[in-house]
C-alpha atoms as a PDB file:
ATOM      1  CA  MET A   1     154.303  97.910 120.104  1.00  0.00           C
ATOM      2  CA  ARG A   2     153.242  94.281 119.820  1.00  0.00           C
ATOM      3  CA  GLY A   3     150.838  92.292 121.906  1.00  0.00           C
ATOM      4  CA  ARG A   4     147.990  93.397 124.086  1.00  0.00           C
ATOM      5  CA  LYS A   5     147.850  96.823 125.650  1.00  0.00           C
ATOM      6  CA  PRO A   6     148.826  96.704 129.309  1.00  0.00           C
ATOM      7  CA  ASN A   7     145.940  97.182 131.720  1.00  0.00           C
ATOM      8  CA  PRO A   8     145.942  99.803 134.475  1.00  0.00           C
ATOM      9  CA  GLN A   9     147.235  98.587 137.847  1.00  0.00           C
ATOM     10  CA  ARG A  10     143.891  98.962 139.612  1.00  0.00           C
ATOM     11  CA  LEU A  11     142.144  96.864 136.956  1.00  0.00           C
ATOM     12  CA  ARG A  12     144.755  94.144 137.350  1.00  0.00           C
ATOM     13  CA  ILE A  13     144.150  94.096 141.100  1.00  0.00           C
ATOM     14  CA  LEU A  14     140.360  93.884 140.638  1.00  0.00           C
ATOM     15  CA  ARG A  15     140.648  91.084 138.082  1.00  0.00           C
ATOM     16  CA  GLY A  16     142.943  89.035 140.222  1.00  0.00           C
ATOM     17  CA  ASN A  17     146.381  87.785 139.336  1.00  0.00           C
ATOM     18  CA  PRO A  18     146.026  84.344 137.729  1.00  0.00           C
ATOM     19  CA  GLY A  19     149.529  84.480 136.213  1.00  0.00           C
ATOM     20  CA  LYS A  20     151.069  85.317 139.615  1.00  0.00           C
ATOM     21  CA  ARG A  21     153.209  87.993 137.992  1.00  0.00           C
ATOM     22  CA  PRO A  22     154.515  90.620 140.386  1.00  0.00           C
ATOM     23  CA  LEU A  23     152.365  93.739 140.576  1.00  0.00           C
ATOM     24  CA  THR A  24     153.761  97.226 140.949  1.00  0.00           C
ATOM     25  CA  SER A  25     153.381  98.434 144.493  1.00  0.00           C
ATOM     26  CA  ALA A  26     151.514 101.632 145.274  1.00  0.00           C
ATOM     27  CA  ARG A  27     154.777 103.243 146.387  1.00  0.00           C
ATOM     28  CA  THR A  28     156.432 102.776 143.002  1.00  0.00           C
ATOM     29  CA  SER A  29     153.373 103.842 140.996  1.00  0.00           C
ATOM     30  CA  PRO A  30     153.357 107.574 140.173  1.00  0.00           C
ATOM     31  CA  PHE A  31     149.551 107.597 139.959  1.00  0.00           C
ATOM     32  CA  VAL A  32     147.543 108.139 143.104  1.00  0.00           C
ATOM     33  CA  ALA A  33     143.853 107.277 143.249  1.00  0.00           C
ATOM     34  CA  GLY A  34     141.605 110.284 143.006  1.00  0.00           C
ATOM     35  CA  THR A  35     138.913 111.817 140.867  1.00  0.00           C
ATOM     36  CA  PRO A  36     139.973 114.360 138.248  1.00  0.00           C
ATOM     37  CA  GLN A  37     138.211 117.702 138.561  1.00  0.00           C
ATOM     38  CA  LYS A  38     135.473 118.280 135.981  1.00  0.00           C
ATOM     39  CA  PRO A  39     136.135 121.165 133.556  1.00  0.00           C
ATOM     40  CA  ALA A  40     133.708 124.064 133.898  1.00  0.00           C
ATOM     41  CA  ASP A  41     133.217 124.559 130.156  1.00  0.00           C
ATOM     42  CA  LEU A  42     131.568 121.197 129.372  1.00  0.00           C
ATOM     43  CA  ASP A  43     128.106 121.303 127.810  1.00  0.00           C
ATOM     44  CA  ALA A  44     125.156 119.495 129.441  1.00  0.00           C
ATOM     45  CA  ASP A  45     125.629 116.144 127.651  1.00  0.00           C
ATOM     46  CA  ALA A  46     129.381 116.057 128.265  1.00  0.00           C
ATOM     47  CA  SER A  47     128.931 117.070 131.906  1.00  0.00           C
ATOM     48  CA  ALA A  48     126.360 114.332 132.512  1.00  0.00           C
ATOM     49  CA  GLU A  49     128.615 111.738 130.860  1.00  0.00           C
ATOM     50  CA  TRP A  50     131.628 112.924 132.899  1.00  0.00           C
ATOM     51  CA  ASP A  51     129.603 112.499 136.105  1.00  0.00           C
ATOM     52  CA  ARG A  52     128.376 109.050 135.024  1.00  0.00           C
ATOM     53  CA  LEU A  53     131.884 107.804 134.196  1.00  0.00           C
ATOM     54  CA  VAL A  54     133.349 109.196 137.420  1.00  0.00           C
ATOM     55  CA  ARG A  55     130.560 107.546 139.425  1.00  0.00           C
ATOM     56  CA  LEU A  56     131.057 104.254 137.555  1.00  0.00           C
ATOM     57  CA  LEU A  57     134.863 104.117 137.655  1.00  0.00           C
ATOM     58  CA  GLY A  58     135.797 106.246 140.624  1.00  0.00           C
ATOM     59  CA  GLY A  59     133.217 105.272 143.183  1.00  0.00           C
ATOM     60  CA  GLU A  60     132.961 101.572 143.857  1.00  0.00           C
ATOM     61  CA  HIS A  61     136.120 100.321 142.162  1.00  0.00           C
ATOM     62  CA  GLY A  62     138.431 103.316 142.598  1.00  0.00           C
ATOM     63  CA  VAL A  63     140.020 102.827 139.176  1.00  0.00           C
ATOM     64  CA  LEU A  64     140.397 106.543 138.358  1.00  0.00           C
ATOM     65  CA  CYS A  65     143.371 108.751 139.116  1.00  0.00           C
ATOM     66  CA  GLU A  66     144.281 112.355 138.291  1.00  0.00           C
ATOM     67  CA  ALA A  67     146.148 111.224 135.170  1.00  0.00           C
ATOM     68  CA  ASP A  68     142.831 110.095 133.639  1.00  0.00           C
ATOM     69  CA  TYR A  69     141.692 113.708 133.148  1.00  0.00           C
ATOM     70  CA  GLY A  70     142.485 113.784 129.418  1.00  0.00           C
ATOM     71  CA  ILE A  71     140.889 110.467 128.533  1.00  0.00           C
ATOM     72  CA  LEU A  72     137.785 111.331 130.574  1.00  0.00           C
ATOM     73  CA  LEU A  73     137.578 114.635 128.709  1.00  0.00           C
ATOM     74  CA  ILE A  74     137.859 112.840 125.355  1.00  0.00           C
ATOM     75  CA  ALA A  75     135.133 110.368 126.348  1.00  0.00           C
ATOM     76  CA  ALA A  76     132.768 113.079 127.589  1.00  0.00           C
ATOM     77  CA  THR A  77     133.203 115.383 124.578  1.00  0.00           C
ATOM     78  CA  ALA A  78     132.951 112.472 122.110  1.00  0.00           C
ATOM     79  CA  TYR A  79     129.699 111.445 123.762  1.00  0.00           C
ATOM     80  CA  SER A  80     128.410 115.014 123.575  1.00  0.00           C
ATOM     81  CA  MET A  81     129.277 115.338 119.872  1.00  0.00           C
ATOM     82  CA  PHE A  82     127.678 111.936 119.208  1.00  0.00           C
ATOM     83  CA  LYS A  83     124.431 113.042 120.891  1.00  0.00           C
ATOM     84  CA  ARG A  84     124.456 116.353 119.004  1.00  0.00           C
ATOM     85  CA  ALA A  85     124.853 114.543 115.665  1.00  0.00           C
ATOM     86  CA  GLU A  86     122.160 112.061 116.683  1.00  0.00           C
ATOM     87  CA  ARG A  87     119.704 114.896 117.379  1.00  0.00           C
ATOM     88  CA  ALA A  88     120.521 116.540 114.019  1.00  0.00           C
ATOM     89  CA  ILE A  89     119.889 113.250 112.192  1.00  0.00           C
ATOM     90  CA  ALA A  90     116.603 112.780 114.052  1.00  0.00           C
ATOM     91  CA  GLU A  91     115.540 116.298 113.036  1.00  0.00           C
ATOM     92  CA  HIS A  92     116.775 116.439 109.417  1.00  0.00           C
ATOM     93  CA  GLY A  93     117.103 112.772 108.444  1.00  0.00           C
ATOM     94  CA  ALA A  94     120.191 110.741 107.575  1.00  0.00           C
ATOM     95  CA  THR A  95     120.323 111.818 103.907  1.00  0.00           C
ATOM     96  CA  TYR A  96     119.789 114.856 101.700  1.00  0.00           C
ATOM     97  CA  GLU A  97     119.293 115.285  97.968  1.00  0.00           C
ATOM     98  CA  THR A  98     121.545 117.203  95.599  1.00  0.00           C
ATOM     99  CA  GLU A  99     121.311 117.835  91.906  1.00  0.00           C
ATOM    100  CA  ARG A 100     124.240 117.756  89.526  1.00  0.00           C
ATOM    101  CA  ASP A 101     124.044 117.843  85.744  1.00  0.00           C
ATOM    102  CA  GLY A 102     120.311 117.250  85.935  1.00  0.00           C
ATOM    103  CA  LEU A 103     120.712 114.108  88.064  1.00  0.00           C
ATOM    104  CA  LYS A 104     119.330 113.901  91.574  1.00  0.00           C
ATOM    105  CA  MET A 105     121.578 112.178  94.074  1.00  0.00           C
ATOM    106  CA  THR A 106     120.906 111.124  97.633  1.00  0.00           C
ATOM    107  CA  ARG A 107     123.873 111.667  99.917  1.00  0.00           C
ATOM    108  CA  PRO A 108     124.451 110.988 103.585  1.00  0.00           C
ATOM    109  CA  ARG A 109     124.379 114.023 105.846  1.00  0.00           C
ATOM    110  CA  PRO A 110     127.722 115.091 107.383  1.00  0.00           C
ATOM    111  CA  GLU A 111     126.306 114.294 110.814  1.00  0.00           C
ATOM    112  CA  VAL A 112     126.281 110.588 109.907  1.00  0.00           C
ATOM    113  CA  ARG A 113     130.066 110.637 109.475  1.00  0.00           C
ATOM    114  CA  ILE A 114     130.507 112.735 112.627  1.00  0.00           C
ATOM    115  CA  MET A 115     128.407 110.233 114.548  1.00  0.00           C
ATOM    116  CA  GLN A 116     130.567 107.333 113.330  1.00  0.00           C
ATOM    117  CA  GLN A 117     133.821 109.110 114.194  1.00  0.00           C
ATOM    118  CA  GLU A 118     132.652 110.138 117.656  1.00  0.00           C
ATOM    119  CA  ARG A 119     131.358 106.628 118.378  1.00  0.00           C
ATOM    120  CA  ARG A 120     134.801 105.242 117.577  1.00  0.00           C
ATOM    121  CA  ALA A 121     136.516 107.885 119.728  1.00  0.00           C
ATOM    122  CA  TYR A 122     134.109 107.200 122.599  1.00  0.00           C
ATOM    123  CA  GLN A 123     134.630 103.430 122.389  1.00  0.00           C
ATOM    124  CA  ALA A 124     138.408 103.859 122.325  1.00  0.00           C
ATOM    125  CA  ALA A 125     138.276 106.138 125.383  1.00  0.00           C
ATOM    126  CA  LEU A 126     136.068 103.678 127.272  1.00  0.00           C
ATOM    127  CA  ALA A 127     138.429 100.832 126.418  1.00  0.00           C
ATOM    128  CA  GLU A 128     141.343 102.923 127.673  1.00  0.00           C
ATOM    129  CA  LEU A 129     139.488 103.534 130.939  1.00  0.00           C
ATOM    130  CA  GLY A 130     138.478  99.882 131.274  1.00  0.00           C
ATOM    131  CA  ALA A 131     134.760 100.667 131.076  1.00  0.00           C
ATOM    132  CA  THR A 132     133.634  98.507 128.147  1.00  0.00           C
ATOM    133  CA  PRO A 133     131.433  95.434 128.634  1.00  0.00           C
ATOM    134  CA  ALA A 134     134.355  93.234 127.586  1.00  0.00           C
ATOM    135  CA  GLN A 135     136.486  94.778 130.332  1.00  0.00           C
ATOM    136  CA  HIS A 136     133.684  94.294 132.887  1.00  0.00           C
ATOM    137  CA  ALA A 137     133.469  90.605 132.033  1.00  0.00           C
ATOM    138  CA  ARG A 138     137.154  90.227 132.900  1.00  0.00           C
ATOM    139  CA  VAL A 139     136.889  91.935 136.297  1.00  0.00           C
ATOM    140  CA  SER A 140     136.353  89.394 139.053  1.00  0.00           C
ATOM    141  CA  PRO A 141     134.406  90.435 142.147  1.00  0.00           C
ATOM    142  CA  LEU A 142     136.255  90.982 145.378  1.00  0.00           C
ATOM    143  CA  PRO A 143     136.341  87.840 147.549  1.00  0.00           C
ATOM    144  CA  ASN A 144     133.764  87.416 150.281  1.00  0.00           C
ATOM    145  CA  ASP A 145     135.484  86.475 153.551  1.00  0.00           C
ATOM    146  CA  SER A 146     132.387  84.703 154.933  1.00  0.00           C
ATOM    147  CA  GLU A 147     132.488  82.023 152.218  1.00  0.00           C
ATOM    148  CA  PRO A 148     134.431  78.827 152.977  1.00  0.00           C
ATOM    149  CA  LYS A 149     137.711  78.453 151.151  1.00  0.00           C
ATOM    150  CA  GLY A 150     139.518  75.514 149.610  1.00  0.00           C
ATOM    151  CA  ILE A 151     138.050  72.066 150.092  1.00  0.00           C
ATOM    152  CA  ALA A 152     135.763  73.302 152.891  1.00  0.00           C
ATOM    153  CA  LYS A 153     133.398  74.832 150.334  1.00  0.00           C
ATOM    154  CA  PHE A 154     132.372  71.302 149.246  1.00  0.00           C
ATOM    155  CA  PHE A 155     131.200  70.201 152.693  1.00  0.00           C
ATOM    156  CA  GLU A 156     128.241  71.403 154.703  1.00  0.00           C
ATOM    157  CA  PRO A 157     129.029  73.215 157.923  1.00  0.00           C
ATOM    158  CA  GLN A 158     128.775  71.087 161.091  1.00  0.00           C
ATOM    159  CA  ARG A 159     125.600  71.625 163.069  1.00  0.00           C
ATOM    160  CA  PRO A 160     125.624  71.244 166.849  1.00  0.00           C
ATOM    161  CA  ARG A 161     124.092  67.946 168.042  1.00  0.00           C
ATOM    162  CA  ARG A 162     121.154  67.917 170.386  1.00  0.00           C
ATOM    163  CA  GLY A 163     121.150  66.009 173.629  1.00  0.00           C
END
């Protein structure tokens, strides 16, 4: 597949439609807005991250739908594994020493590699959900109806004259 990955419909609506391309209507979209149910077997870190992502993406913007269950699960478990590896590195250090043929070697702990892999998985899941800082920069705020539109925004409002 060439080109950019297509963005979810709700993100396209939030960002605006500068290209004026037709958007899929809610009737033709098979995905209905809603929050996926949190699995009961998540550990504490994964559960907290699940709640944070649901609050971030599901609350104010309503970007989540039931089909996002799998990617939310990947993000939450990747975050949990990352934190677990981070704690192990803090406790044992990032390296360990081995001896082979009378030579001492310093090697990275396996947790370092796990941490790198889980960081990549977490970043990919966040990008898929539209929750990375780069995605946030592209989302335009919803318009405020009280602000003047068009050329009127360049002129001061008329004040009533006295006497």
